[in-house]
Every structure is written in structure tokens, then in C-alpha cells.
Amino acid sequence: MRCSIADMRNKEVINLQDGTRLGFAGDVEIDTENARLTAIIIYGRARFFGLLGRTDDIVIPWENIDVIGDETILVKHTLYASPQRRSQSLWNRFFGG
């Protein structure tokens, strides 16, 4: 099966470990030296219309992608919280936390 990068953006990503919907593939990482796709990126969701920042982006390495289907991408991914993006939210800038 052939799939373009534009086609990847329309595919929903589902975690096989717990069945959660992670979102839609928003971008890809490409190793330009070896011409290989290294990861897919799911952009974080906006909090309160984007005023309170966004949740963390999810980067899924190519090794964790199990199946790329017509409408979905099945992955094995363990979610973890990263404090880096939280410090950038508007709420934290003004009210701390």
C-alpha cells in the first residue's frame, strides 16, 4: 500500500495498548540523510480555545507503529506527562502552577 504524507493527516491514530484515540496524524519526522520516516506527530489539543495553551504533542517512533490502514493508524504507545509544554500555557504564565 502506498500512502503520501498528505494522506497520513487524514488518518486517526489509535493506541493498541488501551484502545484510546490519540488524535489525527498532524505531521511526520523524516531522516533526510537516510530518506526514512522516523516518527509521526499528533498535535496537542487546544485548552479553552487555545488561550490556556495546548496539551503536549505526541511523538510516536516508527518502531511503535503496528499497522497503517486506509482510515486508521494502529500504534503501541505508552503515554507520559511532560512538564515542558505546561509552562508555556497562558494560565501558568499569569497565575503560576
N, C-alpha and C. Protein backbone atom coordinates (compact mmCIF):
# COMPACT_ATOMS: atom_id res chain seq x y z
N MET A 1 0.84 -1.19 0.00
CA MET A 1 0.00 0.00 0.00
C MET A 1 0.88 1.24 0.00
N ARG A 2 0.56 2.18 -0.83
CA ARG A 2 1.28 3.46 -0.87
C ARG A 2 0.46 4.51 -0.15
N CYS A 3 1.17 5.41 0.53
CA CYS A 3 0.49 6.44 1.31
C CYS A 3 1.35 7.70 1.29
N SER A 4 0.76 8.82 0.92
CA SER A 4 1.51 10.07 0.91
C SER A 4 1.41 10.73 2.30
N ILE A 5 2.24 11.72 2.51
CA ILE A 5 2.22 12.45 3.78
C ILE A 5 0.87 13.15 3.95
N ALA A 6 0.32 13.67 2.88
CA ALA A 6 -1.00 14.31 2.95
C ALA A 6 -2.08 13.31 3.36
N ASP A 7 -1.96 12.08 2.90
CA ASP A 7 -2.92 11.04 3.30
C ASP A 7 -2.81 10.70 4.78
N MET A 8 -1.62 10.80 5.32
CA MET A 8 -1.40 10.48 6.75
C MET A 8 -2.18 11.43 7.64
N ARG A 9 -2.35 12.67 7.23
CA ARG A 9 -3.05 13.66 8.06
C ARG A 9 -4.52 13.34 8.26
N ASN A 10 -5.09 12.53 7.39
CA ASN A 10 -6.50 12.18 7.49
C ASN A 10 -6.74 10.89 8.25
N LYS A 11 -5.70 10.29 8.76
CA LYS A 11 -5.83 9.00 9.44
C LYS A 11 -5.87 9.20 10.95
N GLU A 12 -6.81 8.54 11.60
CA GLU A 12 -6.92 8.60 13.05
C GLU A 12 -5.94 7.60 13.67
N VAL A 13 -5.26 8.01 14.75
CA VAL A 13 -4.27 7.17 15.41
C VAL A 13 -4.91 6.58 16.66
N ILE A 14 -4.84 5.25 16.77
CA ILE A 14 -5.42 4.54 17.91
C ILE A 14 -4.33 3.73 18.59
N ASN A 15 -4.31 3.83 19.93
CA ASN A 15 -3.34 3.12 20.74
C ASN A 15 -3.83 1.69 20.98
N LEU A 16 -3.05 0.71 20.56
CA LEU A 16 -3.43 -0.69 20.74
C LEU A 16 -3.37 -1.14 22.20
N GLN A 17 -2.58 -0.46 23.02
CA GLN A 17 -2.40 -0.91 24.41
C GLN A 17 -3.64 -0.69 25.25
N ASP A 18 -4.39 0.39 25.00
CA ASP A 18 -5.60 0.63 25.80
C ASP A 18 -6.80 1.04 24.96
N GLY A 19 -6.67 1.08 23.65
CA GLY A 19 -7.78 1.38 22.76
C GLY A 19 -8.16 2.84 22.65
N THR A 20 -7.36 3.74 23.21
CA THR A 20 -7.70 5.16 23.17
C THR A 20 -7.42 5.76 21.79
N ARG A 21 -8.22 6.75 21.45
CA ARG A 21 -7.99 7.53 20.25
C ARG A 21 -7.03 8.64 20.60
N LEU A 22 -5.90 8.67 19.95
CA LEU A 22 -4.87 9.67 20.26
C LEU A 22 -5.07 10.95 19.46
N GLY A 23 -5.76 10.88 18.37
CA GLY A 23 -5.97 12.05 17.51
C GLY A 23 -5.63 11.70 16.08
N PHE A 24 -5.37 12.71 15.29
CA PHE A 24 -5.02 12.51 13.89
C PHE A 24 -3.55 12.86 13.69
N ALA A 25 -2.91 12.11 12.81
CA ALA A 25 -1.51 12.38 12.49
C ALA A 25 -1.42 13.78 11.89
N GLY A 26 -0.67 14.65 12.53
CA GLY A 26 -0.57 16.03 12.07
C GLY A 26 0.68 16.31 11.27
N ASP A 27 1.72 15.53 11.53
CA ASP A 27 2.99 15.77 10.87
C ASP A 27 3.82 14.49 10.94
N VAL A 28 4.92 14.47 10.25
CA VAL A 28 5.84 13.34 10.29
C VAL A 28 7.25 13.85 10.47
N GLU A 29 8.11 13.01 11.02
CA GLU A 29 9.54 13.31 11.10
C GLU A 29 10.24 12.43 10.08
N ILE A 30 11.14 13.03 9.31
CA ILE A 30 11.85 12.31 8.27
C ILE A 30 13.34 12.47 8.48
N ASP A 31 14.06 11.36 8.40
CA ASP A 31 15.52 11.37 8.43
C ASP A 31 15.98 11.65 7.00
N THR A 32 16.46 12.87 6.76
CA THR A 32 16.81 13.26 5.39
C THR A 32 18.10 12.61 4.90
N GLU A 33 18.96 12.19 5.80
CA GLU A 33 20.20 11.53 5.38
C GLU A 33 19.93 10.14 4.82
N ASN A 34 18.98 9.43 5.43
CA ASN A 34 18.68 8.06 5.01
C ASN A 34 17.35 7.96 4.25
N ALA A 35 16.65 9.08 4.07
CA ALA A 35 15.37 9.12 3.37
C ALA A 35 14.38 8.13 3.98
N ARG A 36 14.21 8.22 5.32
CA ARG A 36 13.30 7.32 6.02
C ARG A 36 12.38 8.11 6.94
N LEU A 37 11.15 7.65 7.06
CA LEU A 37 10.22 8.23 8.01
C LEU A 37 10.58 7.69 9.39
N THR A 38 10.78 8.58 10.37
CA THR A 38 11.21 8.14 11.69
C THR A 38 10.12 8.20 12.74
N ALA A 39 9.09 9.05 12.55
CA ALA A 39 8.03 9.17 13.55
C ALA A 39 6.84 9.91 12.97
N ILE A 40 5.69 9.73 13.62
CA ILE A 40 4.53 10.55 13.31
C ILE A 40 4.24 11.42 14.53
N ILE A 41 3.69 12.59 14.29
CA ILE A 41 3.42 13.54 15.36
C ILE A 41 1.93 13.83 15.39
N ILE A 42 1.36 13.75 16.59
CA ILE A 42 -0.03 14.12 16.80
C ILE A 42 0.00 15.40 17.61
N TYR A 43 -0.54 16.47 17.05
CA TYR A 43 -0.51 17.76 17.74
C TYR A 43 -1.41 17.72 18.97
N GLY A 44 -0.98 18.41 20.02
CA GLY A 44 -1.76 18.50 21.25
C GLY A 44 -3.04 19.28 21.04
N ARG A 45 -4.03 18.96 21.83
CA ARG A 45 -5.33 19.64 21.73
C ARG A 45 -5.27 20.99 22.42
N ALA A 46 -6.00 21.94 21.88
CA ALA A 46 -6.06 23.29 22.46
C ALA A 46 -6.88 23.25 23.74
N ARG A 47 -6.42 23.99 24.74
CA ARG A 47 -7.15 24.12 26.00
C ARG A 47 -7.89 25.45 25.99
N PHE A 48 -9.17 25.43 26.24
CA PHE A 48 -10.01 26.62 26.30
C PHE A 48 -9.74 27.54 25.12
N PHE A 49 -10.01 27.02 23.93
CA PHE A 49 -9.87 27.75 22.67
C PHE A 49 -8.43 28.24 22.43
N GLY A 50 -7.46 27.58 23.00
CA GLY A 50 -6.07 27.94 22.80
C GLY A 50 -5.54 28.99 23.75
N LEU A 51 -6.41 29.59 24.56
CA LEU A 51 -5.96 30.63 25.49
C LEU A 51 -5.11 30.06 26.63
N LEU A 52 -5.37 28.82 26.99
CA LEU A 52 -4.62 28.20 28.08
C LEU A 52 -3.56 27.24 27.56
N GLY A 53 -3.11 27.47 26.34
CA GLY A 53 -2.06 26.65 25.76
C GLY A 53 -2.62 25.40 25.12
N ARG A 54 -1.77 24.45 24.94
CA ARG A 54 -2.14 23.18 24.31
C ARG A 54 -1.60 22.04 25.15
N THR A 55 -2.19 20.88 24.98
CA THR A 55 -1.62 19.69 25.61
C THR A 55 -0.36 19.31 24.84
N ASP A 56 0.42 18.43 25.40
CA ASP A 56 1.68 18.03 24.77
C ASP A 56 1.44 17.33 23.44
N ASP A 57 2.33 17.57 22.48
CA ASP A 57 2.31 16.81 21.24
C ASP A 57 2.73 15.38 21.55
N ILE A 58 2.20 14.44 20.79
CA ILE A 58 2.58 13.04 20.97
C ILE A 58 3.44 12.65 19.78
N VAL A 59 4.66 12.20 20.05
CA VAL A 59 5.58 11.74 19.01
C VAL A 59 5.66 10.23 19.10
N ILE A 60 5.30 9.56 18.03
CA ILE A 60 5.30 8.10 18.02
C ILE A 60 6.38 7.63 17.05
N PRO A 61 7.42 6.97 17.59
CA PRO A 61 8.50 6.48 16.72
C PRO A 61 7.99 5.42 15.74
N TRP A 62 8.66 5.32 14.61
CA TRP A 62 8.27 4.38 13.57
C TRP A 62 8.20 2.95 14.11
N GLU A 63 9.07 2.60 15.03
CA GLU A 63 9.09 1.24 15.58
C GLU A 63 7.80 0.91 16.33
N ASN A 64 7.08 1.93 16.81
CA ASN A 64 5.85 1.70 17.58
C ASN A 64 4.60 1.69 16.71
N ILE A 65 4.74 1.92 15.42
CA ILE A 65 3.60 1.86 14.50
C ILE A 65 3.40 0.42 14.10
N ASP A 66 2.20 -0.11 14.37
CA ASP A 66 1.90 -1.50 14.09
C ASP A 66 1.31 -1.67 12.69
N VAL A 67 0.25 -0.90 12.40
CA VAL A 67 -0.44 -1.03 11.11
C VAL A 67 -0.87 0.36 10.63
N ILE A 68 -0.67 0.61 9.34
CA ILE A 68 -1.21 1.80 8.70
C ILE A 68 -2.29 1.32 7.75
N GLY A 69 -3.54 1.60 8.11
CA GLY A 69 -4.67 1.16 7.30
C GLY A 69 -5.21 2.28 6.43
N ASP A 70 -6.38 2.03 5.83
CA ASP A 70 -6.99 3.02 4.96
C ASP A 70 -7.45 4.25 5.73
N GLU A 71 -7.98 4.05 6.95
CA GLU A 71 -8.53 5.16 7.74
C GLU A 71 -7.86 5.35 9.09
N THR A 72 -7.13 4.36 9.57
CA THR A 72 -6.53 4.44 10.90
C THR A 72 -5.08 4.01 10.89
N ILE A 73 -4.38 4.45 11.93
CA ILE A 73 -3.02 4.01 12.20
C ILE A 73 -3.04 3.40 13.59
N LEU A 74 -2.65 2.15 13.70
CA LEU A 74 -2.63 1.46 14.99
C LEU A 74 -1.21 1.49 15.53
N VAL A 75 -1.06 1.97 16.78
CA VAL A 75 0.27 2.13 17.37
C VAL A 75 0.31 1.49 18.75
N LYS A 76 1.51 1.21 19.20
CA LYS A 76 1.75 0.78 20.57
C LYS A 76 2.53 1.90 21.24
N HIS A 77 1.84 2.64 22.12
CA HIS A 77 2.46 3.84 22.69
C HIS A 77 2.09 3.97 24.15
N THR A 78 3.07 4.21 24.98
CA THR A 78 2.84 4.48 26.40
C THR A 78 2.83 5.98 26.60
N LEU A 79 1.71 6.50 27.10
CA LEU A 79 1.58 7.94 27.32
C LEU A 79 2.28 8.33 28.61
N TYR A 80 2.90 9.48 28.59
CA TYR A 80 3.53 10.03 29.78
C TYR A 80 3.37 11.54 29.75
N ALA A 81 3.34 12.12 30.91
CA ALA A 81 3.16 13.58 31.01
C ALA A 81 4.52 14.25 30.96
N SER A 82 4.62 15.31 30.17
CA SER A 82 5.83 16.09 30.07
C SER A 82 5.55 17.51 30.55
N PRO A 83 6.29 18.01 31.54
CA PRO A 83 6.02 19.34 32.08
C PRO A 83 6.47 20.48 31.17
N GLN A 84 7.16 20.21 30.07
CA GLN A 84 7.70 21.28 29.24
C GLN A 84 6.60 22.16 28.66
N ARG A 85 5.55 21.59 28.11
CA ARG A 85 4.51 22.37 27.46
C ARG A 85 3.64 23.09 28.47
N ARG A 86 3.47 22.52 29.68
CA ARG A 86 2.61 23.14 30.68
C ARG A 86 3.11 24.53 31.07
N SER A 87 4.40 24.71 31.09
CA SER A 87 4.94 26.01 31.50
C SER A 87 4.66 27.08 30.46
N GLN A 88 4.26 26.71 29.26
CA GLN A 88 4.02 27.68 28.20
C GLN A 88 2.57 28.16 28.15
N SER A 89 1.69 27.57 28.94
CA SER A 89 0.28 27.96 28.84
C SER A 89 0.05 29.35 29.44
N LEU A 90 -0.95 30.03 28.95
CA LEU A 90 -1.30 31.37 29.42
C LEU A 90 -1.67 31.36 30.90
N TRP A 91 -2.42 30.34 31.30
CA TRP A 91 -2.84 30.22 32.71
C TRP A 91 -1.62 30.19 33.63
N ASN A 92 -0.62 29.39 33.29
CA ASN A 92 0.56 29.27 34.13
C ASN A 92 1.41 30.53 34.10
N ARG A 93 1.40 31.25 32.99
CA ARG A 93 2.18 32.49 32.92
C ARG A 93 1.65 33.54 33.88
N PHE A 94 0.32 33.62 34.01
CA PHE A 94 -0.26 34.65 34.85
C PHE A 94 -0.56 34.22 36.27
N PHE A 95 -0.91 32.95 36.44
CA PHE A 95 -1.35 32.51 37.76
C PHE A 95 -0.42 31.48 38.39
N GLY A 96 0.61 31.09 37.68
CA GLY A 96 1.55 30.08 38.21
C GLY A 96 0.88 28.74 38.35
N GLY A 97 1.67 27.73 38.62
CA GLY A 97 1.04 26.42 38.85
C GLY A 97 1.56 25.34 38.04
